[in-house]
N, C-alpha and C. Protein backbone atom coordinates (compact mmCIF):
# COMPACT_ATOMS: atom_id res chain seq x y z
N UNK A 1 -62.26 41.23 -172.70
CA UNK A 1 -62.59 40.09 -171.85
C UNK A 1 -64.05 39.71 -172.06
N UNK A 2 -64.31 38.42 -172.18
CA UNK A 2 -65.64 37.89 -172.38
C UNK A 2 -66.43 37.96 -171.07
N UNK A 3 -67.75 38.13 -171.18
CA UNK A 3 -68.60 38.19 -169.99
C UNK A 3 -68.54 36.88 -169.20
N UNK A 4 -68.37 35.76 -169.89
CA UNK A 4 -68.25 34.48 -169.18
C UNK A 4 -66.97 34.41 -168.36
N UNK A 5 -65.92 35.11 -168.79
CA UNK A 5 -64.68 35.14 -168.02
C UNK A 5 -64.91 35.74 -166.64
N UNK A 6 -65.76 36.75 -166.56
CA UNK A 6 -66.07 37.37 -165.27
C UNK A 6 -66.74 36.37 -164.33
N UNK A 7 -67.57 35.49 -164.89
CA UNK A 7 -68.27 34.50 -164.07
C UNK A 7 -67.31 33.46 -163.52
N UNK A 8 -66.20 33.25 -164.19
CA UNK A 8 -65.21 32.25 -163.74
C UNK A 8 -64.51 32.68 -162.46
N UNK A 9 -64.68 33.91 -162.07
CA UNK A 9 -64.09 34.39 -160.81
C UNK A 9 -64.91 33.93 -159.60
N UNK A 10 -66.11 33.44 -159.84
CA UNK A 10 -67.00 33.01 -158.75
C UNK A 10 -66.51 31.68 -158.18
N UNK A 11 -66.44 31.58 -156.85
CA UNK A 11 -65.96 30.34 -156.24
C UNK A 11 -67.04 29.28 -156.07
N UNK A 12 -68.32 29.69 -156.10
CA UNK A 12 -69.41 28.74 -155.84
C UNK A 12 -70.72 29.25 -156.43
N UNK A 13 -71.75 28.42 -156.32
CA UNK A 13 -73.06 28.77 -156.89
C UNK A 13 -73.67 29.97 -156.18
N UNK A 14 -73.43 30.10 -154.88
CA UNK A 14 -73.99 31.23 -154.12
C UNK A 14 -73.51 32.57 -154.66
N UNK A 15 -72.29 32.65 -155.14
CA UNK A 15 -71.79 33.90 -155.71
C UNK A 15 -72.05 33.98 -157.21
N UNK A 16 -72.20 32.83 -157.86
CA UNK A 16 -72.47 32.81 -159.29
C UNK A 16 -73.87 33.33 -159.62
N UNK A 17 -74.87 32.97 -158.82
CA UNK A 17 -76.24 33.39 -159.12
C UNK A 17 -76.39 34.91 -159.21
N UNK A 18 -75.96 35.68 -158.20
CA UNK A 18 -76.10 37.13 -158.34
C UNK A 18 -75.26 37.72 -159.48
N UNK A 19 -74.11 37.11 -159.76
CA UNK A 19 -73.28 37.57 -160.88
C UNK A 19 -74.01 37.33 -162.21
N UNK A 20 -74.69 36.21 -162.34
CA UNK A 20 -75.49 35.92 -163.53
C UNK A 20 -76.66 36.90 -163.66
N UNK A 21 -77.32 37.18 -162.53
CA UNK A 21 -78.44 38.12 -162.56
C UNK A 21 -77.97 39.49 -163.02
N UNK A 22 -76.83 39.92 -162.53
CA UNK A 22 -76.29 41.23 -162.93
C UNK A 22 -75.94 41.23 -164.41
N UNK A 23 -75.31 40.16 -164.87
CA UNK A 23 -74.94 40.04 -166.28
C UNK A 23 -76.18 40.08 -167.19
N UNK A 24 -77.24 39.41 -166.78
CA UNK A 24 -78.44 39.29 -167.61
C UNK A 24 -79.37 40.50 -167.53
N UNK A 25 -79.22 41.36 -166.54
CA UNK A 25 -80.17 42.45 -166.36
C UNK A 25 -80.25 43.40 -167.55
N UNK A 26 -79.17 43.53 -168.31
CA UNK A 26 -79.23 44.41 -169.49
C UNK A 26 -79.95 43.75 -170.66
N UNK A 27 -80.17 42.42 -170.57
CA UNK A 27 -80.87 41.70 -171.63
C UNK A 27 -82.34 41.45 -171.29
N UNK A 28 -82.66 41.39 -170.02
CA UNK A 28 -84.04 41.13 -169.61
C UNK A 28 -84.07 40.41 -168.28
N UNK A 29 -85.25 40.15 -167.83
CA UNK A 29 -85.45 39.50 -166.54
C UNK A 29 -85.28 37.99 -166.69
N UNK A 30 -84.59 37.38 -165.73
CA UNK A 30 -84.44 35.93 -165.73
C UNK A 30 -85.76 35.32 -165.30
N UNK A 31 -86.32 34.48 -166.17
CA UNK A 31 -87.57 33.80 -165.86
C UNK A 31 -87.30 32.48 -165.15
N UNK A 32 -86.16 31.87 -165.46
CA UNK A 32 -85.82 30.59 -164.83
C UNK A 32 -84.30 30.44 -164.84
N UNK A 33 -83.77 29.95 -163.74
CA UNK A 33 -82.34 29.71 -163.63
C UNK A 33 -82.12 28.46 -162.79
N UNK A 34 -81.48 27.48 -163.39
CA UNK A 34 -81.09 26.26 -162.68
C UNK A 34 -79.59 26.09 -162.87
N UNK A 35 -78.90 25.76 -161.78
CA UNK A 35 -77.46 25.56 -161.85
C UNK A 35 -77.14 24.21 -161.21
N UNK A 36 -76.48 23.37 -161.98
CA UNK A 36 -75.99 22.09 -161.48
C UNK A 36 -74.48 22.17 -161.37
N UNK A 37 -73.92 21.51 -160.37
CA UNK A 37 -72.47 21.51 -160.24
C UNK A 37 -71.92 20.12 -160.59
N UNK A 38 -70.70 20.12 -161.07
CA UNK A 38 -70.03 18.88 -161.44
C UNK A 38 -68.52 19.08 -161.30
N UNK A 39 -67.82 17.97 -161.23
CA UNK A 39 -66.36 17.99 -161.25
C UNK A 39 -65.93 17.39 -162.58
N UNK A 40 -65.03 18.08 -163.27
CA UNK A 40 -64.50 17.57 -164.54
C UNK A 40 -63.00 17.75 -164.54
N UNK A 41 -62.28 16.64 -164.54
CA UNK A 41 -60.82 16.65 -164.51
C UNK A 41 -60.27 17.53 -163.39
N UNK A 42 -60.87 17.41 -162.22
CA UNK A 42 -60.40 18.15 -161.04
C UNK A 42 -60.87 19.59 -160.95
N UNK A 43 -61.69 20.03 -161.90
CA UNK A 43 -62.19 21.40 -161.90
C UNK A 43 -63.68 21.40 -161.55
N UNK A 44 -64.05 22.23 -160.59
CA UNK A 44 -65.47 22.35 -160.25
C UNK A 44 -66.15 23.22 -161.30
N UNK A 45 -67.26 22.73 -161.83
CA UNK A 45 -67.98 23.43 -162.88
C UNK A 45 -69.43 23.66 -162.48
N UNK A 46 -69.98 24.74 -163.01
CA UNK A 46 -71.40 25.04 -162.86
C UNK A 46 -72.03 24.95 -164.25
N UNK A 47 -73.02 24.10 -164.38
CA UNK A 47 -73.75 23.97 -165.63
C UNK A 47 -75.03 24.79 -165.47
N UNK A 48 -75.13 25.85 -166.25
CA UNK A 48 -76.20 26.83 -166.08
C UNK A 48 -77.27 26.65 -167.16
N UNK A 49 -78.51 26.54 -166.72
CA UNK A 49 -79.68 26.47 -167.60
C UNK A 49 -80.51 27.70 -167.32
N UNK A 50 -80.79 28.49 -168.34
CA UNK A 50 -81.38 29.79 -168.10
C UNK A 50 -82.42 30.14 -169.15
N UNK A 51 -83.47 30.82 -168.71
CA UNK A 51 -84.50 31.35 -169.61
C UNK A 51 -84.73 32.81 -169.22
N UNK A 52 -84.87 33.66 -170.23
CA UNK A 52 -85.23 35.06 -169.99
C UNK A 52 -86.72 35.24 -170.27
N UNK A 53 -87.22 36.43 -169.98
CA UNK A 53 -88.65 36.69 -170.12
C UNK A 53 -89.12 36.89 -171.55
N UNK A 54 -88.20 36.98 -172.53
CA UNK A 54 -88.60 37.17 -173.92
C UNK A 54 -87.60 36.50 -174.86
N UNK A 55 -88.09 35.80 -175.89
CA UNK A 55 -87.20 35.10 -176.82
C UNK A 55 -86.18 36.00 -177.52
N UNK A 56 -86.58 37.21 -177.89
CA UNK A 56 -85.64 38.10 -178.58
C UNK A 56 -84.49 38.51 -177.65
N UNK A 57 -84.79 38.64 -176.37
CA UNK A 57 -83.74 38.97 -175.39
C UNK A 57 -82.80 37.78 -175.20
N UNK A 58 -83.36 36.57 -175.27
CA UNK A 58 -82.53 35.38 -175.17
C UNK A 58 -81.55 35.30 -176.33
N UNK A 59 -82.01 35.62 -177.53
CA UNK A 59 -81.14 35.61 -178.71
C UNK A 59 -79.99 36.61 -178.52
N UNK A 60 -80.31 37.79 -178.03
CA UNK A 60 -79.26 38.80 -177.80
C UNK A 60 -78.25 38.32 -176.76
N UNK A 61 -78.72 37.70 -175.70
CA UNK A 61 -77.83 37.17 -174.66
C UNK A 61 -76.95 36.06 -175.22
N UNK A 62 -77.53 35.15 -176.00
CA UNK A 62 -76.74 34.05 -176.58
C UNK A 62 -75.65 34.58 -177.50
N UNK A 63 -75.97 35.59 -178.28
CA UNK A 63 -74.96 36.18 -179.17
C UNK A 63 -73.86 36.85 -178.36
N UNK A 64 -74.22 37.55 -177.31
CA UNK A 64 -73.24 38.26 -176.49
C UNK A 64 -72.30 37.29 -175.77
N UNK A 65 -72.85 36.17 -175.31
CA UNK A 65 -72.03 35.20 -174.57
C UNK A 65 -71.39 34.14 -175.46
N UNK A 66 -71.91 34.01 -176.68
CA UNK A 66 -71.40 32.97 -177.56
C UNK A 66 -71.82 31.58 -177.12
N UNK A 67 -73.05 31.47 -176.63
CA UNK A 67 -73.57 30.18 -176.14
C UNK A 67 -74.81 29.80 -176.94
N UNK A 68 -75.31 28.60 -176.69
CA UNK A 68 -76.47 28.12 -177.43
C UNK A 68 -77.56 27.56 -176.53
N UNK A 69 -78.48 26.85 -177.18
CA UNK A 69 -79.62 26.26 -176.48
C UNK A 69 -79.48 24.75 -176.42
N UNK A 70 -80.12 24.19 -175.42
CA UNK A 70 -80.28 22.75 -175.30
C UNK A 70 -81.62 22.52 -174.65
N UNK A 71 -82.50 21.81 -175.30
CA UNK A 71 -83.82 21.54 -174.73
C UNK A 71 -84.63 22.80 -174.48
N UNK A 72 -84.42 23.83 -175.31
CA UNK A 72 -85.18 25.07 -175.17
C UNK A 72 -84.59 26.08 -174.22
N UNK A 73 -83.58 25.69 -173.46
CA UNK A 73 -82.97 26.62 -172.51
C UNK A 73 -81.58 27.02 -172.97
N UNK A 74 -81.17 28.21 -172.57
CA UNK A 74 -79.79 28.65 -172.81
C UNK A 74 -78.93 27.85 -171.84
N UNK A 75 -77.87 27.25 -172.36
CA UNK A 75 -77.01 26.41 -171.54
C UNK A 75 -75.55 26.78 -171.75
N UNK A 76 -74.82 26.88 -170.65
CA UNK A 76 -73.38 27.09 -170.72
C UNK A 76 -72.73 26.58 -169.45
N UNK A 77 -71.45 26.32 -169.53
CA UNK A 77 -70.69 25.79 -168.40
C UNK A 77 -69.67 26.83 -167.95
N UNK A 78 -69.58 27.01 -166.65
CA UNK A 78 -68.62 27.94 -166.06
C UNK A 78 -67.70 27.15 -165.14
N UNK A 79 -66.40 27.27 -165.37
CA UNK A 79 -65.43 26.70 -164.43
C UNK A 79 -65.35 27.63 -163.23
N UNK A 80 -65.62 27.08 -162.06
CA UNK A 80 -65.62 27.89 -160.85
C UNK A 80 -64.22 27.98 -160.26
N UNK A 81 -63.90 29.12 -159.68
CA UNK A 81 -62.59 29.37 -159.08
C UNK A 81 -62.66 29.02 -157.61
N UNK A 82 -62.59 27.72 -157.31
CA UNK A 82 -62.70 27.31 -155.92
C UNK A 82 -61.44 27.58 -155.11
N UNK A 83 -60.39 28.10 -155.74
CA UNK A 83 -59.20 28.49 -155.00
C UNK A 83 -59.48 29.70 -154.12
N UNK A 84 -60.48 30.51 -154.50
CA UNK A 84 -60.83 31.69 -153.70
C UNK A 84 -61.41 31.30 -152.35
N UNK A 85 -62.05 30.13 -152.28
CA UNK A 85 -62.62 29.67 -151.01
C UNK A 85 -61.50 29.40 -150.02
N UNK A 86 -60.47 28.70 -150.45
CA UNK A 86 -59.34 28.39 -149.57
C UNK A 86 -58.64 29.65 -149.09
N UNK A 87 -58.48 30.62 -149.97
CA UNK A 87 -57.82 31.88 -149.59
C UNK A 87 -58.63 32.62 -148.55
N UNK A 88 -59.95 32.67 -148.74
CA UNK A 88 -60.81 33.38 -147.79
C UNK A 88 -60.83 32.68 -146.44
N UNK A 89 -60.83 31.35 -146.45
CA UNK A 89 -60.88 30.60 -145.20
C UNK A 89 -59.59 30.78 -144.41
N UNK A 90 -58.46 30.81 -145.10
CA UNK A 90 -57.21 30.92 -144.36
C UNK A 90 -57.00 32.33 -143.82
N UNK A 91 -57.52 33.33 -144.50
CA UNK A 91 -57.32 34.69 -144.02
C UNK A 91 -58.26 35.07 -142.89
N UNK A 92 -59.37 34.32 -142.75
CA UNK A 92 -60.31 34.65 -141.68
C UNK A 92 -60.02 33.87 -140.41
N UNK A 93 -59.09 32.91 -140.45
CA UNK A 93 -58.80 32.09 -139.27
C UNK A 93 -57.93 32.83 -138.29
């Protein structure tokens, strides 16, 4: 299973951020993280822009995730599992 697949289990940005931090900790410290959300064909997506504290660590992370750069930052898109929000809301009512 790909590391990005694990991130797809996140229902929202609030749960995605700590999951990203945990994923990146073996590569280095996150120096910058910006996450934008969007809807694409009915799927909620998180567009992640990320920088680590060292370029060599960024290269290792990009190879591990199979992602690239855009405008100097590591960029990738995660489809969020917003179905988990509905399940949690109905079980707590």
